[in-house]
Amino acid sequence: MEELKSTTAKAEQEIVSEKEQRKEEKKIATIKPHRGHTLYEVNMSTGEIVEATFEKTDIAYEAAINKYNVARRKVITKEGHYYVSALNKKNVVKKLNKQAKEYATRKNNTQ
């Protein structure tokens, strides 16, 4: 009797593990940097500033009509990181400080 219970339990575990896990991509935002700017990735826990990494994707909306492929870039996002478009790292720090000050004033005004 115990053997029957253990085999059914194993079969149920296998069925659960065989289910396909669906990956869904969710569009968070669109950043269009100014000409000459670079997209930087800021690690909010350590404060490290690094250039963002991209992956190329083919898009076939209007390009399919014109019969040519257009390569688009997509940012590889990481959790706990903030993305800023700026001329250099010094300007990234300035933009972050400015946003922090605006956030603090908004928070004080609502209290």
Protein backbone atom coordinates (compact mmCIF):
# COMPACT_ATOMS: atom_id res chain seq x y z
CA MET A 1 0.00 0.00 0.00
CA GLU A 2 2.86 2.37 0.83
CA GLU A 3 4.50 1.61 -2.53
CA LEU A 4 1.33 2.68 -4.36
CA LYS A 5 1.21 5.97 -2.44
CA SER A 6 4.87 6.72 -3.10
CA THR A 7 4.60 6.02 -6.86
CA THR A 8 1.51 8.23 -7.21
CA ALA A 9 3.26 10.99 -5.27
CA LYS A 10 6.28 10.74 -7.60
CA ALA A 11 4.02 10.82 -10.65
CA GLU A 12 2.30 13.98 -9.38
CA GLN A 13 5.66 15.62 -8.77
CA GLU A 14 6.77 14.82 -12.32
CA ILE A 15 3.58 16.26 -13.82
CA VAL A 16 4.03 19.50 -11.90
CA SER A 17 7.67 19.84 -12.96
CA GLU A 18 6.85 19.17 -16.63
CA LYS A 19 4.54 22.18 -16.96
CA GLU A 20 5.92 24.81 -19.28
CA GLN A 21 6.91 28.05 -17.72
CA ARG A 22 5.93 30.99 -19.87
CA LYS A 23 8.26 33.94 -20.13
CA GLU A 24 6.50 37.22 -20.69
CA GLU A 25 8.30 40.37 -21.66
CA LYS A 26 6.85 43.52 -20.23
CA LYS A 27 7.56 46.94 -21.71
CA ILE A 28 8.60 49.25 -18.91
CA ALA A 29 9.50 52.49 -20.68
CA THR A 30 11.07 53.99 -23.76
CA ILE A 31 14.18 56.13 -23.51
CA LYS A 32 15.26 58.15 -26.52
CA PRO A 33 18.67 59.64 -25.74
CA HIS A 34 19.74 62.92 -27.29
CA ARG A 35 22.31 62.82 -30.06
CA GLY A 36 25.73 62.15 -28.57
CA HIS A 37 24.35 60.88 -25.25
CA THR A 38 24.99 57.45 -23.78
CA LEU A 39 22.62 55.30 -21.76
CA TYR A 40 24.07 54.56 -18.33
CA GLU A 41 23.07 51.88 -15.85
CA VAL A 42 23.19 52.87 -12.17
CA ASN A 43 23.25 50.16 -9.51
CA MET A 44 21.11 51.70 -6.76
CA SER A 45 22.52 49.53 -3.96
CA THR A 46 26.23 50.13 -4.66
CA GLY A 47 26.08 53.40 -6.61
CA GLU A 48 28.15 51.98 -9.46
CA ILE A 49 27.68 53.68 -12.87
CA VAL A 50 28.29 51.60 -16.02
CA GLU A 51 27.27 51.90 -19.66
CA ALA A 52 24.11 49.91 -20.36
CA THR A 53 24.31 46.73 -22.43
CA PHE A 54 22.12 46.21 -25.48
CA GLU A 55 20.95 43.31 -27.60
CA LYS A 56 20.00 43.68 -31.25
CA THR A 57 16.51 42.70 -32.34
CA ASP A 58 15.06 42.56 -35.83
CA ILE A 59 11.80 44.34 -36.34
CA ALA A 60 9.47 43.74 -39.22
CA TYR A 61 6.65 46.30 -39.00
CA GLU A 62 7.22 48.94 -41.65
CA ALA A 63 10.42 47.25 -42.71
CA ALA A 64 8.47 44.29 -44.03
CA ILE A 65 6.50 46.62 -46.28
CA ASN A 66 9.71 48.14 -47.63
CA LYS A 67 11.32 44.67 -47.84
CA TYR A 68 14.38 45.31 -45.72
CA ASN A 69 15.23 44.45 -42.12
CA VAL A 70 15.80 47.17 -39.57
CA ALA A 71 17.93 46.28 -36.56
CA ARG A 72 16.77 47.81 -33.28
CA ARG A 73 18.56 47.87 -29.96
CA LYS A 74 16.96 46.67 -26.76
CA VAL A 75 18.39 47.34 -23.31
CA ILE A 76 19.09 44.32 -21.15
CA THR A 77 17.42 45.44 -17.92
CA LYS A 78 18.45 44.26 -14.50
CA GLU A 79 16.46 44.46 -11.31
CA GLY A 80 17.62 47.11 -8.85
CA HIS A 81 19.20 49.25 -11.58
CA TYR A 82 18.19 52.70 -12.82
CA TYR A 83 18.82 53.85 -16.41
CA VAL A 84 19.81 57.43 -17.28
CA SER A 85 20.66 59.04 -20.61
CA ALA A 86 23.53 61.51 -20.22
CA LEU A 87 26.60 62.93 -21.92
CA ASN A 88 29.05 61.44 -19.39
CA LYS A 89 29.21 59.92 -15.90
CA LYS A 90 29.56 63.32 -14.23
CA ASN A 91 26.22 64.39 -15.71
CA VAL A 92 24.61 61.15 -14.53
CA VAL A 93 25.48 62.09 -10.96
CA LYS A 94 24.09 65.61 -11.49
CA LYS A 95 20.81 64.23 -12.88
CA LEU A 96 20.42 61.77 -10.02
CA ASN A 97 21.05 64.50 -7.43
CA LYS A 98 18.51 66.76 -9.13
CA GLN A 99 15.87 64.01 -9.15
CA ALA A 100 16.56 63.22 -5.49
CA LYS A 101 16.08 66.88 -4.53
CA GLU A 102 12.80 67.06 -6.49
CA TYR A 103 11.58 63.89 -4.82
CA ALA A 104 12.45 65.24 -1.35
CA THR A 105 10.62 68.53 -1.97
CA ARG A 106 7.52 66.70 -3.27
CA LYS A 107 7.56 64.41 -0.25
CA ASN A 108 7.87 67.36 2.18
CA ASN A 109 5.06 69.29 0.45
CA THR A 110 2.61 66.39 0.76
CA GLN A 111 3.15 65.98 4.50
